Amino acid sequence: MAANWAEAEPVNILEDSLSPDRAKVDSINDALTDRIVSLTRYAESIGSAAVLFTCSAFSSAIELAASLASVPVLKPNEAMFEAAIRQGGRTAMLYTFPPARAGMEQEFREEADRINPSATLTSFLVEGAIDAVRADDVATHNRLVAEAATRIEGFDAITLAHFSTARARSAVEAKTTTPVLTSPDAAVAKLRFLLGAGATTSHHARR
């Protein structure tokens, strides 16, 4: 946000029990959905002009929250997937958090059906990268993601699936000539578009 929309005023709402609780279940249940909706309502209550979620494992819950909200509510990856699909027909996705895969693939498919039904997504799990992040070993995380990118060929774009993976962008770009897209940059660009590029300072709530 600071790099791409400095005049905006981000408000960060952190609920760090959601990801481990999501990892304990096979799919998003009613209790998790209720918590996502509650976060959205709280964000609205403090005057947010839009809500951007930053965990990619809650797609269906965020969609419900968006349908109930009076302000734009973005899933973490929807803007990135839209940009990737417009880049070409074949997209590679590097992901580090296994519970997020199915929801992200479904989200990509929905965006593709709207923009380019022939577009495809191939997912690649980067083993050990999420553990490195949790241990505050960013260097190892970035190295593992970049190494995974060197094994990817024949795609029109590489997407780094999570907000946490975006920190590896420079390392990945050093290893490939394929365009690399990240969730944060694409999401901020879409927020600016939705709220008006020349808008005055606004509040944005992020989980």
N, C-alpha and C. Protein backbone atom coordinates (compact mmCIF):
# COMPACT_ATOMS: atom_id res chain seq x y z
N MET A 1 0.83 -1.19 0.00
CA MET A 1 0.00 0.00 0.00
C MET A 1 0.87 1.25 0.00
N ALA A 2 1.93 1.25 0.80
CA ALA A 2 2.82 2.40 0.88
C ALA A 2 3.50 2.67 -0.46
N ALA A 3 3.86 1.62 -1.16
CA ALA A 3 4.58 1.77 -2.42
C ALA A 3 3.67 2.20 -3.56
N ASN A 4 2.43 1.70 -3.58
CA ASN A 4 1.57 1.88 -4.74
C ASN A 4 0.37 2.81 -4.53
N TRP A 5 0.11 3.20 -3.28
CA TRP A 5 -1.01 4.11 -3.03
C TRP A 5 -0.76 4.82 -1.71
N ALA A 6 0.26 5.66 -1.71
CA ALA A 6 0.75 6.25 -0.46
C ALA A 6 -0.27 7.14 0.22
N GLU A 7 -1.19 7.74 -0.56
CA GLU A 7 -2.16 8.65 0.03
C GLU A 7 -3.30 7.93 0.74
N ALA A 8 -3.42 6.64 0.52
CA ALA A 8 -4.45 5.87 1.21
C ALA A 8 -4.04 5.64 2.66
N GLU A 9 -5.01 5.35 3.51
CA GLU A 9 -4.74 5.10 4.93
C GLU A 9 -5.11 3.67 5.28
N PRO A 10 -4.14 2.76 5.28
CA PRO A 10 -4.47 1.37 5.59
C PRO A 10 -4.70 1.15 7.07
N VAL A 11 -5.70 0.36 7.38
CA VAL A 11 -5.99 -0.05 8.76
C VAL A 11 -5.92 -1.57 8.79
N ASN A 12 -5.01 -2.12 9.58
CA ASN A 12 -4.78 -3.56 9.60
C ASN A 12 -5.52 -4.23 10.74
N ILE A 13 -6.36 -5.19 10.40
CA ILE A 13 -7.11 -5.96 11.39
C ILE A 13 -6.54 -7.38 11.39
N LEU A 14 -5.83 -7.73 12.43
CA LEU A 14 -5.15 -9.03 12.48
C LEU A 14 -5.91 -10.01 13.37
N GLU A 15 -6.24 -11.17 12.80
CA GLU A 15 -6.85 -12.26 13.56
C GLU A 15 -6.05 -13.52 13.22
N ASP A 16 -4.93 -13.70 13.92
CA ASP A 16 -3.97 -14.71 13.48
C ASP A 16 -4.30 -16.13 13.92
N SER A 17 -5.48 -16.35 14.50
CA SER A 17 -5.88 -17.73 14.78
C SER A 17 -6.63 -18.35 13.60
N LEU A 18 -7.00 -17.53 12.60
CA LEU A 18 -7.79 -18.05 11.49
C LEU A 18 -7.02 -19.06 10.64
N SER A 19 -5.79 -18.76 10.28
CA SER A 19 -5.04 -19.68 9.42
C SER A 19 -4.80 -21.03 10.07
N PRO A 20 -4.33 -21.10 11.33
CA PRO A 20 -4.17 -22.42 11.94
C PRO A 20 -5.48 -23.16 12.12
N ASP A 21 -6.57 -22.44 12.40
CA ASP A 21 -7.87 -23.10 12.53
C ASP A 21 -8.34 -23.63 11.18
N ARG A 22 -8.05 -22.89 10.11
CA ARG A 22 -8.42 -23.37 8.77
C ARG A 22 -7.63 -24.62 8.42
N ALA A 23 -6.37 -24.69 8.84
CA ALA A 23 -5.52 -25.83 8.52
C ALA A 23 -6.00 -27.11 9.22
N LYS A 24 -6.83 -26.98 10.25
CA LYS A 24 -7.31 -28.15 11.00
C LYS A 24 -8.52 -28.82 10.36
N VAL A 25 -9.14 -28.16 9.38
CA VAL A 25 -10.36 -28.70 8.78
C VAL A 25 -10.18 -28.87 7.28
N ASP A 26 -10.98 -29.77 6.69
CA ASP A 26 -10.85 -30.05 5.27
C ASP A 26 -11.43 -28.95 4.40
N SER A 27 -12.45 -28.27 4.90
CA SER A 27 -13.08 -27.22 4.12
C SER A 27 -13.58 -26.12 5.06
N ILE A 28 -13.95 -24.99 4.49
CA ILE A 28 -14.41 -23.86 5.29
C ILE A 28 -15.78 -24.18 5.87
N ASN A 29 -15.88 -24.11 7.20
CA ASN A 29 -17.15 -24.43 7.85
C ASN A 29 -17.88 -23.15 8.23
N ASP A 30 -19.07 -23.32 8.82
CA ASP A 30 -19.91 -22.16 9.16
C ASP A 30 -19.23 -21.27 10.19
N ALA A 31 -18.52 -21.87 11.13
CA ALA A 31 -17.88 -21.08 12.18
C ALA A 31 -16.80 -20.17 11.60
N LEU A 32 -15.99 -20.70 10.68
CA LEU A 32 -14.97 -19.88 10.05
C LEU A 32 -15.60 -18.79 9.18
N THR A 33 -16.65 -19.15 8.48
CA THR A 33 -17.35 -18.17 7.64
C THR A 33 -17.89 -17.03 8.48
N ASP A 34 -18.48 -17.36 9.62
CA ASP A 34 -19.03 -16.33 10.50
C ASP A 34 -17.94 -15.38 10.97
N ARG A 35 -16.76 -15.90 11.20
CA ARG A 35 -15.66 -15.05 11.66
C ARG A 35 -15.20 -14.10 10.56
N ILE A 36 -15.18 -14.56 9.32
CA ILE A 36 -14.82 -13.69 8.19
C ILE A 36 -15.87 -12.59 8.01
N VAL A 37 -17.13 -12.97 8.11
CA VAL A 37 -18.22 -11.99 8.00
C VAL A 37 -18.11 -10.96 9.12
N SER A 38 -17.82 -11.43 10.33
CA SER A 38 -17.70 -10.52 11.47
C SER A 38 -16.56 -9.52 11.28
N LEU A 39 -15.43 -9.99 10.74
CA LEU A 39 -14.32 -9.09 10.46
C LEU A 39 -14.71 -8.02 9.44
N THR A 40 -15.47 -8.44 8.44
CA THR A 40 -15.91 -7.49 7.42
C THR A 40 -16.84 -6.44 8.03
N ARG A 41 -17.76 -6.89 8.86
CA ARG A 41 -18.68 -5.94 9.49
C ARG A 41 -17.94 -4.97 10.41
N TYR A 42 -16.91 -5.49 11.10
CA TYR A 42 -16.12 -4.60 11.94
C TYR A 42 -15.41 -3.55 11.09
N ALA A 43 -14.83 -4.01 9.97
CA ALA A 43 -14.14 -3.07 9.07
C ALA A 43 -15.09 -1.98 8.59
N GLU A 44 -16.31 -2.38 8.25
CA GLU A 44 -17.30 -1.38 7.83
C GLU A 44 -17.63 -0.42 8.97
N SER A 45 -17.68 -0.95 10.19
CA SER A 45 -18.10 -0.13 11.33
C SER A 45 -17.10 0.97 11.65
N ILE A 46 -15.84 0.82 11.24
CA ILE A 46 -14.84 1.85 11.51
C ILE A 46 -14.69 2.81 10.33
N GLY A 47 -15.57 2.68 9.35
CA GLY A 47 -15.58 3.62 8.24
C GLY A 47 -14.70 3.26 7.06
N SER A 48 -14.39 1.99 6.89
CA SER A 48 -13.54 1.57 5.77
C SER A 48 -14.25 1.79 4.44
N ALA A 49 -13.50 2.25 3.46
CA ALA A 49 -14.05 2.43 2.12
C ALA A 49 -14.02 1.14 1.32
N ALA A 50 -13.19 0.18 1.74
CA ALA A 50 -13.08 -1.12 1.09
C ALA A 50 -12.40 -2.08 2.05
N VAL A 51 -12.56 -3.36 1.78
CA VAL A 51 -11.96 -4.39 2.63
C VAL A 51 -11.15 -5.33 1.74
N LEU A 52 -9.90 -5.53 2.11
CA LEU A 52 -9.02 -6.45 1.39
C LEU A 52 -8.55 -7.53 2.33
N PHE A 53 -8.96 -8.77 2.08
CA PHE A 53 -8.49 -9.89 2.88
C PHE A 53 -7.15 -10.36 2.33
N THR A 54 -6.28 -10.83 3.23
CA THR A 54 -4.93 -11.20 2.80
C THR A 54 -4.59 -12.67 2.99
N CYS A 55 -5.54 -13.49 3.40
CA CYS A 55 -5.31 -14.93 3.49
C CYS A 55 -6.08 -15.62 2.38
N SER A 56 -5.40 -16.44 1.61
CA SER A 56 -5.98 -17.02 0.40
C SER A 56 -6.76 -18.31 0.64
N ALA A 57 -6.99 -18.68 1.89
CA ALA A 57 -7.65 -19.96 2.19
C ALA A 57 -9.13 -19.80 2.56
N PHE A 58 -9.70 -18.60 2.34
CA PHE A 58 -11.07 -18.35 2.79
C PHE A 58 -11.96 -17.81 1.68
N SER A 59 -11.74 -18.27 0.47
CA SER A 59 -12.40 -17.69 -0.70
C SER A 59 -13.92 -17.65 -0.58
N SER A 60 -14.56 -18.79 -0.28
CA SER A 60 -16.02 -18.83 -0.24
C SER A 60 -16.58 -17.98 0.88
N ALA A 61 -15.88 -17.92 2.01
CA ALA A 61 -16.34 -17.10 3.13
C ALA A 61 -16.25 -15.62 2.77
N ILE A 62 -15.20 -15.23 2.07
CA ILE A 62 -15.05 -13.83 1.66
C ILE A 62 -16.11 -13.46 0.64
N GLU A 63 -16.45 -14.38 -0.24
CA GLU A 63 -17.52 -14.12 -1.21
C GLU A 63 -18.84 -13.84 -0.50
N LEU A 64 -19.14 -14.61 0.54
CA LEU A 64 -20.37 -14.36 1.30
C LEU A 64 -20.29 -13.00 1.98
N ALA A 65 -19.16 -12.71 2.60
CA ALA A 65 -19.00 -11.42 3.26
C ALA A 65 -19.19 -10.27 2.27
N ALA A 66 -18.66 -10.44 1.06
CA ALA A 66 -18.79 -9.40 0.03
C ALA A 66 -20.24 -9.18 -0.36
N SER A 67 -21.00 -10.27 -0.41
CA SER A 67 -22.41 -10.15 -0.80
C SER A 67 -23.24 -9.43 0.25
N LEU A 68 -22.75 -9.39 1.48
CA LEU A 68 -23.48 -8.76 2.58
C LEU A 68 -22.98 -7.35 2.88
N ALA A 69 -21.86 -6.97 2.29
CA ALA A 69 -21.22 -5.70 2.64
C ALA A 69 -21.73 -4.56 1.77
N SER A 70 -21.57 -3.35 2.29
CA SER A 70 -21.98 -2.15 1.55
C SER A 70 -20.78 -1.47 0.88
N VAL A 71 -19.59 -2.05 1.03
CA VAL A 71 -18.37 -1.52 0.40
C VAL A 71 -17.70 -2.65 -0.36
N PRO A 72 -16.80 -2.33 -1.30
CA PRO A 72 -16.09 -3.40 -2.02
C PRO A 72 -15.29 -4.29 -1.06
N VAL A 73 -15.39 -5.60 -1.26
CA VAL A 73 -14.64 -6.57 -0.47
C VAL A 73 -13.88 -7.45 -1.45
N LEU A 74 -12.56 -7.45 -1.35
CA LEU A 74 -11.73 -8.20 -2.29
C LEU A 74 -11.13 -9.44 -1.64
N LYS A 75 -11.17 -10.53 -2.40
CA LYS A 75 -10.38 -11.70 -2.04
C LYS A 75 -8.92 -11.41 -2.36
N PRO A 76 -8.00 -12.07 -1.70
CA PRO A 76 -6.58 -11.73 -1.88
C PRO A 76 -6.10 -11.83 -3.32
N ASN A 77 -6.57 -12.85 -4.05
CA ASN A 77 -5.96 -13.17 -5.34
C ASN A 77 -6.79 -12.79 -6.56
N GLU A 78 -7.99 -12.28 -6.37
CA GLU A 78 -8.85 -12.09 -7.54
C GLU A 78 -8.23 -11.10 -8.55
N ALA A 79 -7.63 -10.02 -8.06
CA ALA A 79 -7.03 -9.06 -8.97
C ALA A 79 -5.81 -9.64 -9.68
N MET A 80 -5.01 -10.41 -8.94
CA MET A 80 -3.83 -11.04 -9.54
C MET A 80 -4.23 -12.04 -10.62
N PHE A 81 -5.25 -12.85 -10.34
CA PHE A 81 -5.69 -13.82 -11.33
C PHE A 81 -6.25 -13.13 -12.57
N GLU A 82 -6.98 -12.06 -12.36
CA GLU A 82 -7.51 -11.31 -13.49
C GLU A 82 -6.37 -10.80 -14.37
N ALA A 83 -5.33 -10.25 -13.74
CA ALA A 83 -4.18 -9.75 -14.50
C ALA A 83 -3.45 -10.88 -15.21
N ALA A 84 -3.32 -12.02 -14.56
CA ALA A 84 -2.62 -13.16 -15.16
C ALA A 84 -3.38 -13.69 -16.38
N ILE A 85 -4.68 -13.78 -16.26
CA ILE A 85 -5.49 -14.28 -17.37
C ILE A 85 -5.39 -13.35 -18.56
N ARG A 86 -5.34 -12.06 -18.31
CA ARG A 86 -5.20 -11.10 -19.41
C ARG A 86 -3.80 -11.14 -20.01
N GLN A 87 -2.84 -11.69 -19.26
CA GLN A 87 -1.46 -11.81 -19.74
C GLN A 87 -1.35 -12.88 -20.82
N GLY A 88 -2.19 -13.93 -20.73
CA GLY A 88 -2.14 -15.02 -21.69
C GLY A 88 -2.93 -16.22 -21.23
N GLY A 89 -2.81 -17.34 -21.93
CA GLY A 89 -3.66 -18.48 -21.68
C GLY A 89 -3.20 -19.44 -20.61
N ARG A 90 -1.88 -19.42 -20.29
CA ARG A 90 -1.35 -20.40 -19.34
C ARG A 90 -0.70 -19.70 -18.15
N THR A 91 -1.20 -20.02 -16.96
CA THR A 91 -0.68 -19.41 -15.75
C THR A 91 -0.14 -20.49 -14.82
N ALA A 92 1.03 -20.24 -14.25
CA ALA A 92 1.60 -21.10 -13.21
C ALA A 92 1.38 -20.43 -11.86
N MET A 93 1.07 -21.21 -10.84
CA MET A 93 0.88 -20.66 -9.50
C MET A 93 1.81 -21.37 -8.52
N LEU A 94 2.66 -20.60 -7.87
CA LEU A 94 3.51 -21.13 -6.80
C LEU A 94 2.80 -20.87 -5.47
N TYR A 95 2.50 -21.95 -4.74
CA TYR A 95 1.81 -21.78 -3.47
C TYR A 95 2.57 -22.51 -2.37
N THR A 96 2.38 -22.06 -1.13
CA THR A 96 3.12 -22.63 0.00
C THR A 96 2.23 -23.18 1.09
N PHE A 97 0.93 -22.84 1.06
CA PHE A 97 -0.02 -23.23 2.11
C PHE A 97 -1.05 -24.17 1.49
N PRO A 98 -0.91 -25.50 1.64
CA PRO A 98 -1.76 -26.47 0.94
C PRO A 98 -3.26 -26.26 1.10
N PRO A 99 -3.79 -25.88 2.28
CA PRO A 99 -5.24 -25.71 2.38
C PRO A 99 -5.82 -24.63 1.46
N ALA A 100 -4.96 -23.76 0.95
CA ALA A 100 -5.45 -22.67 0.10
C ALA A 100 -5.59 -23.09 -1.36
N ARG A 101 -5.01 -24.21 -1.75
CA ARG A 101 -4.94 -24.54 -3.17
C ARG A 101 -6.31 -24.66 -3.84
N ALA A 102 -7.19 -25.47 -3.30
CA ALA A 102 -8.47 -25.73 -3.96
C ALA A 102 -9.27 -24.45 -4.15
N GLY A 103 -9.31 -23.61 -3.13
CA GLY A 103 -10.06 -22.37 -3.24
C GLY A 103 -9.48 -21.43 -4.27
N MET A 104 -8.16 -21.37 -4.35
CA MET A 104 -7.52 -20.49 -5.33
C MET A 104 -7.74 -21.00 -6.75
N GLU A 105 -7.67 -22.30 -6.93
CA GLU A 105 -7.91 -22.86 -8.27
C GLU A 105 -9.35 -22.60 -8.71
N GLN A 106 -10.29 -22.71 -7.79
CA GLN A 106 -11.68 -22.42 -8.11
C GLN A 106 -11.85 -20.94 -8.43
N GLU A 107 -11.18 -20.11 -7.68
CA GLU A 107 -11.25 -18.66 -7.91
C GLU A 107 -10.69 -18.31 -9.29
N PHE A 108 -9.57 -18.93 -9.65
CA PHE A 108 -8.99 -18.70 -10.98
C PHE A 108 -9.98 -19.12 -12.06
N ARG A 109 -10.61 -20.28 -11.86
CA ARG A 109 -11.53 -20.78 -12.87
C ARG A 109 -12.71 -19.83 -13.07
N GLU A 110 -13.20 -19.26 -11.98
CA GLU A 110 -14.31 -18.32 -12.08
C GLU A 110 -13.90 -17.06 -12.83
N GLU A 111 -12.68 -16.56 -12.54
CA GLU A 111 -12.19 -15.39 -13.27
C GLU A 111 -11.98 -15.72 -14.74
N ALA A 112 -11.44 -16.91 -15.03
CA ALA A 112 -11.20 -17.32 -16.41
C ALA A 112 -12.50 -17.45 -17.19
N ASP A 113 -13.53 -18.01 -16.56
CA ASP A 113 -14.82 -18.15 -17.24
C ASP A 113 -15.38 -16.80 -17.64
N ARG A 114 -15.02 -15.78 -16.88
CA ARG A 114 -15.52 -14.43 -17.15
C ARG A 114 -14.68 -13.72 -18.22
N ILE A 115 -13.37 -13.99 -18.24
CA ILE A 115 -12.45 -13.23 -19.10
C ILE A 115 -11.99 -14.03 -20.32
N ASN A 116 -11.54 -15.27 -20.06
CA ASN A 116 -10.98 -16.12 -21.12
C ASN A 116 -11.16 -17.57 -20.73
N PRO A 117 -12.27 -18.20 -21.14
CA PRO A 117 -12.57 -19.57 -20.71
C PRO A 117 -11.50 -20.60 -21.05
N SER A 118 -10.65 -20.29 -22.01
CA SER A 118 -9.61 -21.26 -22.39
C SER A 118 -8.37 -21.17 -21.51
N ALA A 119 -8.32 -20.21 -20.61
CA ALA A 119 -7.16 -20.03 -19.75
C ALA A 119 -7.02 -21.20 -18.78
N THR A 120 -5.79 -21.55 -18.47
CA THR A 120 -5.52 -22.68 -17.57
C THR A 120 -4.57 -22.26 -16.44
N LEU A 121 -4.67 -22.97 -15.33
CA LEU A 121 -3.80 -22.73 -14.18
C LEU A 121 -3.16 -24.05 -13.77
N THR A 122 -1.85 -24.05 -13.57
CA THR A 122 -1.13 -25.21 -13.06
C THR A 122 -0.48 -24.81 -11.74
N SER A 123 -0.75 -25.57 -10.68
CA SER A 123 -0.29 -25.21 -9.34
C SER A 123 0.96 -26.01 -8.96
N PHE A 124 1.91 -25.34 -8.30
CA PHE A 124 3.15 -25.97 -7.86
C PHE A 124 3.35 -25.65 -6.38
N LEU A 125 3.40 -26.69 -5.55
CA LEU A 125 3.64 -26.50 -4.12
C LEU A 125 5.13 -26.32 -3.86
N VAL A 126 5.47 -25.28 -3.11
CA VAL A 126 6.86 -25.04 -2.72
C VAL A 126 7.04 -25.60 -1.32
N GLU A 127 7.57 -26.80 -1.25
CA GLU A 127 7.73 -27.49 0.03
C GLU A 127 8.69 -26.72 0.95
N GLY A 128 8.29 -26.58 2.21
CA GLY A 128 9.15 -25.99 3.21
C GLY A 128 9.11 -24.48 3.30
N ALA A 129 8.53 -23.82 2.30
CA ALA A 129 8.57 -22.35 2.28
C ALA A 129 7.73 -21.74 3.39
N ILE A 130 6.54 -22.30 3.64
CA ILE A 130 5.68 -21.73 4.68
C ILE A 130 6.31 -21.93 6.06
N ASP A 131 7.00 -23.05 6.25
CA ASP A 131 7.68 -23.29 7.53
C ASP A 131 8.80 -22.27 7.74
N ALA A 132 9.47 -21.91 6.66
CA ALA A 132 10.54 -20.91 6.77
C ALA A 132 9.97 -19.55 7.17
N VAL A 133 8.84 -19.18 6.59
CA VAL A 133 8.20 -17.91 6.95
C VAL A 133 7.82 -17.92 8.43
N ARG A 134 7.24 -19.01 8.87
CA ARG A 134 6.80 -19.09 10.27
C ARG A 134 7.98 -19.05 11.23
N ALA A 135 9.15 -19.43 10.75
CA ALA A 135 10.36 -19.37 11.57
C ALA A 135 11.12 -18.06 11.37
N ASP A 136 10.49 -17.11 10.65
CA ASP A 136 11.11 -15.81 10.36
C ASP A 136 12.38 -15.93 9.53
N ASP A 137 12.46 -16.99 8.74
CA ASP A 137 13.61 -17.19 7.86
C ASP A 137 13.20 -16.81 6.43
N VAL A 138 13.11 -15.52 6.19
CA VAL A 138 12.64 -15.02 4.90
C VAL A 138 13.60 -15.40 3.78
N ALA A 139 14.89 -15.40 4.06
CA ALA A 139 15.88 -15.72 3.03
C ALA A 139 15.66 -17.13 2.48
N THR A 140 15.42 -18.08 3.37
CA THR A 140 15.17 -19.46 2.92
C THR A 140 13.87 -19.54 2.14
N HIS A 141 12.84 -18.87 2.64
CA HIS A 141 11.56 -18.84 1.93
C HIS A 141 11.75 -18.34 0.50
N ASN A 142 12.41 -17.21 0.35
CA ASN A 142 12.60 -16.62 -0.97
C ASN A 142 13.44 -17.52 -1.87
N ARG A 143 14.44 -18.16 -1.31
CA ARG A 143 15.29 -19.06 -2.09
C ARG A 143 14.49 -20.25 -2.60
N LEU A 144 13.67 -20.84 -1.75
CA LEU A 144 12.88 -22.00 -2.15
C LEU A 144 11.87 -21.64 -3.24
N VAL A 145 11.23 -20.50 -3.10
CA VAL A 145 10.26 -20.08 -4.11
C VAL A 145 10.96 -19.79 -5.44
N ALA A 146 12.10 -19.12 -5.37
CA ALA A 146 12.85 -18.83 -6.59
C ALA A 146 13.34 -20.10 -7.27
N GLU A 147 13.79 -21.06 -6.47
CA GLU A 147 14.24 -22.33 -7.05
C GLU A 147 13.10 -23.06 -7.74
N ALA A 148 11.91 -22.99 -7.15
CA ALA A 148 10.74 -23.61 -7.77
C ALA A 148 10.44 -22.96 -9.11
N ALA A 149 10.63 -21.65 -9.19
CA ALA A 149 10.35 -20.93 -10.43
C ALA A 149 11.27 -21.36 -11.57
N THR A 150 12.49 -21.78 -11.25
CA THR A 150 13.43 -22.18 -12.30
C THR A 150 12.98 -23.46 -13.00
N ARG A 151 12.08 -24.19 -12.36
CA ARG A 151 11.60 -25.45 -12.95
C ARG A 151 10.32 -25.26 -13.76
N ILE A 152 9.89 -24.02 -13.90
CA ILE A 152 8.64 -23.72 -14.60
C ILE A 152 8.95 -23.13 -15.97
N GLU A 153 8.41 -23.75 -17.02
CA GLU A 153 8.63 -23.27 -18.38
C GLU A 153 7.32 -23.36 -19.17
N GLY A 154 7.19 -22.50 -20.16
CA GLY A 154 6.07 -22.57 -21.07
C GLY A 154 4.80 -21.90 -20.58
N PHE A 155 4.93 -20.98 -19.63
CA PHE A 155 3.75 -20.28 -19.11
C PHE A 155 3.81 -18.79 -19.49
N ASP A 156 2.65 -18.18 -19.53
CA ASP A 156 2.55 -16.76 -19.86
C ASP A 156 2.74 -15.87 -18.64
N ALA A 157 2.51 -16.43 -17.45
CA ALA A 157 2.68 -15.67 -16.21
C ALA A 157 2.91 -16.64 -15.06
N ILE A 158 3.66 -16.18 -14.07
CA ILE A 158 3.83 -16.90 -12.81
C ILE A 158 3.17 -16.07 -11.72
N THR A 159 2.27 -16.68 -10.97
CA THR A 159 1.63 -15.98 -9.87
C THR A 159 2.16 -16.52 -8.55
N LEU A 160 2.48 -15.62 -7.63
CA LEU A 160 2.90 -15.99 -6.28
C LEU A 160 1.65 -15.95 -5.42
N ALA A 161 1.21 -17.13 -4.97
CA ALA A 161 -0.16 -17.32 -4.54
C ALA A 161 -0.60 -16.51 -3.33
N HIS A 162 0.26 -16.29 -2.37
CA HIS A 162 -0.16 -15.68 -1.11
C HIS A 162 0.48 -14.32 -0.91
N PHE A 163 -0.10 -13.53 -0.02
CA PHE A 163 0.53 -12.27 0.33
C PHE A 163 1.92 -12.53 0.92
N SER A 164 2.05 -13.59 1.70
CA SER A 164 3.34 -13.91 2.31
C SER A 164 4.38 -14.28 1.26
N THR A 165 3.95 -14.78 0.11
CA THR A 165 4.88 -15.20 -0.94
C THR A 165 5.38 -14.03 -1.76
N ALA A 166 4.69 -12.90 -1.68
CA ALA A 166 5.04 -11.74 -2.50
C ALA A 166 6.45 -11.25 -2.20
N ARG A 167 6.93 -11.50 -0.99
CA ARG A 167 8.28 -11.04 -0.62
C ARG A 167 9.37 -11.70 -1.46
N ALA A 168 9.02 -12.79 -2.15
CA ALA A 168 9.99 -13.49 -2.99
C ALA A 168 10.02 -12.98 -4.42
N ARG A 169 9.25 -11.95 -4.71
CA ARG A 169 9.11 -11.52 -6.11
C ARG A 169 10.45 -11.21 -6.76
N SER A 170 11.28 -10.41 -6.11
CA SER A 170 12.56 -10.04 -6.71
C SER A 170 13.44 -11.26 -6.96
N ALA A 171 13.43 -12.18 -6.00
CA ALA A 171 14.23 -13.40 -6.15
C ALA A 171 13.74 -14.24 -7.31
N VAL A 172 12.42 -14.31 -7.48
CA VAL A 172 11.85 -15.09 -8.59
C VAL A 172 12.16 -14.41 -9.92
N GLU A 173 11.99 -13.11 -9.98
CA GLU A 173 12.23 -12.39 -11.23
C GLU A 173 13.69 -12.51 -11.68
N ALA A 174 14.58 -12.73 -10.72
CA ALA A 174 16.00 -12.91 -11.07
C ALA A 174 16.27 -14.27 -11.71
N LYS A 175 15.31 -15.18 -11.58
CA LYS A 175 15.50 -16.55 -12.07
C LYS A 175 14.69 -16.87 -13.32
N THR A 176 13.82 -15.96 -13.76
CA THR A 176 12.95 -16.27 -14.89
C THR A 176 12.67 -15.03 -15.71
N THR A 177 12.37 -15.23 -16.99
CA THR A 177 11.96 -14.13 -17.85
C THR A 177 10.44 -14.06 -17.98
N THR A 178 9.74 -15.01 -17.38
CA THR A 178 8.28 -15.01 -17.39
C THR A 178 7.76 -13.92 -16.46
N PRO A 179 6.75 -13.15 -16.85
CA PRO A 179 6.19 -12.13 -15.97
C PRO A 179 5.74 -12.73 -14.64
N VAL A 180 6.08 -12.05 -13.54
CA VAL A 180 5.74 -12.52 -12.19
C VAL A 180 4.73 -11.55 -11.58
N LEU A 181 3.61 -12.10 -11.11
CA LEU A 181 2.54 -11.28 -10.53
C LEU A 181 2.36 -11.64 -9.06
N THR A 182 2.05 -10.63 -8.25
CA THR A 182 1.80 -10.85 -6.83
C THR A 182 0.44 -10.31 -6.43
N SER A 183 -0.10 -10.90 -5.38
CA SER A 183 -1.41 -10.48 -4.88
C SER A 183 -1.45 -9.04 -4.39
N PRO A 184 -0.50 -8.60 -3.55
CA PRO A 184 -0.61 -7.24 -3.00
C PRO A 184 -0.61 -6.15 -4.07
N ASP A 185 0.33 -6.23 -5.02
CA ASP A 185 0.40 -5.19 -6.05
C ASP A 185 -0.87 -5.15 -6.89
N ALA A 186 -1.35 -6.32 -7.30
CA ALA A 186 -2.56 -6.35 -8.12
C ALA A 186 -3.79 -5.90 -7.34
N ALA A 187 -3.86 -6.28 -6.07
CA ALA A 187 -5.02 -5.92 -5.25
C ALA A 187 -5.09 -4.41 -5.03
N VAL A 188 -3.96 -3.79 -4.73
CA VAL A 188 -3.95 -2.34 -4.52
C VAL A 188 -4.34 -1.61 -5.80
N ALA A 189 -3.85 -2.09 -6.94
CA ALA A 189 -4.22 -1.48 -8.21
C ALA A 189 -5.73 -1.56 -8.45
N LYS A 190 -6.31 -2.71 -8.10
CA LYS A 190 -7.76 -2.85 -8.31
C LYS A 190 -8.54 -1.99 -7.33
N LEU A 191 -8.06 -1.89 -6.09
CA LEU A 191 -8.72 -1.01 -5.12
C LEU A 191 -8.72 0.43 -5.61
N ARG A 192 -7.59 0.87 -6.13
CA ARG A 192 -7.51 2.24 -6.65
C ARG A 192 -8.52 2.44 -7.77
N PHE A 193 -8.66 1.44 -8.63
CA PHE A 193 -9.61 1.53 -9.73
C PHE A 193 -11.04 1.59 -9.20
N LEU A 194 -11.36 0.69 -8.25
CA LEU A 194 -12.73 0.63 -7.73
C LEU A 194 -13.13 1.90 -7.00
N LEU A 195 -12.18 2.50 -6.30
CA LEU A 195 -12.50 3.67 -5.49
C LEU A 195 -12.18 4.98 -6.18
N GLY A 196 -11.60 4.89 -7.38
CA GLY A 196 -11.25 6.09 -8.12
C GLY A 196 -9.80 6.45 -7.91
N ALA A 197 -9.02 6.46 -8.99
CA ALA A 197 -7.58 6.69 -8.88
C ALA A 197 -7.26 8.04 -8.27
N GLY A 198 -8.16 9.00 -8.42
CA GLY A 198 -7.90 10.32 -7.88
C GLY A 198 -8.60 10.56 -6.56
N ALA A 199 -9.04 9.48 -5.92
CA ALA A 199 -9.80 9.63 -4.67
C ALA A 199 -8.92 10.21 -3.59
N THR A 200 -9.55 10.86 -2.65
CA THR A 200 -8.83 11.37 -1.50
C THR A 200 -8.50 10.21 -0.57
N THR A 201 -7.74 10.48 0.47
CA THR A 201 -7.30 9.43 1.38
C THR A 201 -8.48 8.62 1.90
N SER A 202 -8.35 7.29 1.83
CA SER A 202 -9.42 6.40 2.24
C SER A 202 -8.89 5.38 3.23
N HIS A 203 -9.80 4.75 3.95
CA HIS A 203 -9.42 3.68 4.87
C HIS A 203 -9.62 2.34 4.18
N HIS A 204 -8.69 1.42 4.40
CA HIS A 204 -8.83 0.07 3.89
C HIS A 204 -8.51 -0.90 5.01
N ALA A 205 -9.38 -1.83 5.25
CA ALA A 205 -9.13 -2.80 6.31
C ALA A 205 -8.56 -4.06 5.69
N ARG A 206 -7.51 -4.56 6.29
CA ARG A 206 -6.89 -5.79 5.78
C ARG A 206 -6.77 -6.79 6.92
N ARG A 207 -7.10 -8.06 6.60
CA ARG A 207 -6.92 -9.09 7.62
C ARG A 207 -5.49 -9.57 7.60
